[in-house]
Amino acid sequence: MLNLTQEERKVVLFLVAIALIGVGGNFLIKQFSTAKSITCLSQDLAKIDLNSADKKLLMGISGIGEKLAGRIIEYRNERAGFTNVEELKEIKGITGPKFARIKEYLAVK
């Protein structure tokens, strides 16, 4: 084997084994990765649920102040919850442009 000493052969064999383990591990990770589904799932998880959010949480969204958060909760209580985010347009103070800004932070779960 190329006039290598026994120690050098061990080192070469060790490096080849490590490379094969790395390639095999990379193959397995790509085959069984759930990264795509986690990405889709995390987008929905990051949104605030209109049916369970309290006033303080709603006020944390840019464009929703104390009065508007109160109206959202009042609307939710009157109708036993939201069925979709589009219902926000029916609340006084939520115009088309404001709805477009806040809808990306909200969901109905």
Protein backbone atom coordinates (compact mmCIF):
# COMPACT_ATOMS: atom_id res chain seq x y z
CA MET A 1 0.00 0.00 0.00
CA LEU A 2 2.19 2.84 -1.31
CA ASN A 3 5.11 2.10 1.03
CA LEU A 4 3.33 3.45 4.11
CA THR A 5 4.22 2.44 7.61
CA GLN A 6 1.65 0.59 9.68
CA GLU A 7 0.86 3.76 11.64
CA GLU A 8 0.35 5.76 8.44
CA ARG A 9 -1.98 3.05 7.09
CA LYS A 10 -4.05 3.27 10.30
CA VAL A 11 -4.31 7.04 9.94
CA VAL A 12 -5.37 6.78 6.27
CA LEU A 13 -7.91 4.09 7.11
CA PHE A 14 -9.25 6.20 9.98
CA LEU A 15 -9.63 9.27 7.74
CA VAL A 16 -11.42 7.24 5.04
CA ALA A 17 -13.79 5.79 7.67
CA ILE A 18 -14.57 9.26 9.03
CA ALA A 19 -15.24 10.56 5.50
CA LEU A 20 -17.62 7.66 4.78
CA ILE A 21 -19.46 8.22 8.05
CA GLY A 22 -19.83 11.91 7.18
CA VAL A 23 -21.16 11.18 3.70
CA GLY A 24 -23.56 8.55 5.06
CA GLY A 25 -24.79 10.86 7.80
CA ASN A 26 -25.35 13.68 5.33
CA PHE A 27 -27.31 11.32 3.06
CA LEU A 28 -29.52 10.17 5.95
CA ILE A 29 -30.17 13.73 7.10
CA LYS A 30 -31.27 14.78 3.63
CA GLN A 31 -33.45 11.69 3.17
CA PHE A 32 -35.29 11.92 6.47
CA SER A 33 -35.22 15.65 7.16
CA THR A 34 -38.43 17.30 8.36
CA ALA A 35 -37.15 20.83 7.89
CA LYS A 36 -39.70 21.69 5.19
CA SER A 37 -42.67 20.70 7.30
CA ILE A 38 -41.23 22.42 10.36
CA THR A 39 -40.86 25.66 8.40
CA CYS A 40 -44.51 25.61 7.33
CA LEU A 41 -45.64 24.70 10.81
CA SER A 42 -43.56 27.38 12.50
CA GLN A 43 -45.13 30.11 10.37
CA ASP A 44 -48.56 29.30 11.80
CA LEU A 45 -47.24 28.85 15.34
CA ALA A 46 -45.77 32.32 15.38
CA LYS A 47 -49.16 33.91 14.75
CA ILE A 48 -51.40 35.08 17.57
CA ASP A 49 -54.71 33.24 17.89
CA LEU A 50 -57.58 35.74 17.78
CA ASN A 51 -59.79 33.42 19.83
CA SER A 52 -57.46 33.18 22.81
CA ALA A 53 -55.33 36.35 22.81
CA ASP A 54 -55.74 38.74 25.69
CA LYS A 55 -55.73 42.52 25.40
CA LYS A 56 -52.06 42.89 26.27
CA LEU A 57 -50.98 40.37 23.64
CA LEU A 58 -53.06 42.07 20.95
CA MET A 59 -51.59 45.43 21.90
CA GLY A 60 -48.15 44.01 21.20
CA ILE A 61 -48.96 44.04 17.50
CA SER A 62 -47.96 47.23 15.74
CA GLY A 63 -51.10 49.13 14.79
CA ILE A 64 -53.30 47.75 17.57
CA GLY A 65 -53.75 50.07 20.51
CA GLU A 66 -55.70 49.69 23.73
CA LYS A 67 -59.06 50.73 22.27
CA LEU A 68 -58.77 48.55 19.18
CA ALA A 69 -57.66 45.54 21.24
CA GLY A 70 -60.73 46.09 23.42
CA ARG A 71 -62.99 46.19 20.35
CA ILE A 72 -61.46 42.97 19.02
CA ILE A 73 -62.10 41.18 22.31
CA GLU A 74 -65.63 42.61 22.52
CA TYR A 75 -66.38 41.43 18.97
CA ARG A 76 -64.99 37.99 19.81
CA ASN A 77 -67.13 37.70 22.94
CA GLU A 78 -70.32 38.82 21.16
CA ARG A 79 -69.93 36.22 18.43
CA ALA A 80 -68.44 33.36 20.48
CA GLY A 81 -65.14 33.64 18.65
CA PHE A 82 -63.73 34.31 15.23
CA THR A 83 -64.13 31.88 12.36
CA ASN A 84 -61.53 33.60 10.17
CA VAL A 85 -59.17 36.57 10.23
CA GLU A 86 -61.22 38.41 7.60
CA GLU A 87 -63.88 39.15 10.25
CA LEU A 88 -61.54 41.79 11.66
CA LYS A 89 -62.64 44.08 8.80
CA GLU A 90 -66.04 44.37 10.49
CA ILE A 91 -64.53 46.01 13.58
CA LYS A 92 -64.57 49.80 13.80
CA GLY A 93 -61.06 51.14 13.32
CA ILE A 94 -59.75 48.34 11.12
CA THR A 95 -59.57 49.71 7.61
CA GLY A 96 -58.18 47.98 4.52
CA PRO A 97 -54.60 49.22 4.96
CA LYS A 98 -54.57 48.49 8.71
CA PHE A 99 -55.98 45.01 8.11
CA ALA A 100 -53.27 44.35 5.52
CA ARG A 101 -50.59 45.30 8.09
CA ILE A 102 -51.92 43.26 11.03
CA LYS A 103 -53.31 40.14 9.34
CA GLU A 104 -49.86 38.56 8.96
CA TYR A 105 -49.53 38.41 12.75
CA LEU A 106 -52.93 36.88 13.44
CA ALA A 107 -54.62 33.52 12.91
CA VAL A 108 -57.77 31.68 13.93
CA LYS A 109 -56.85 28.33 15.42
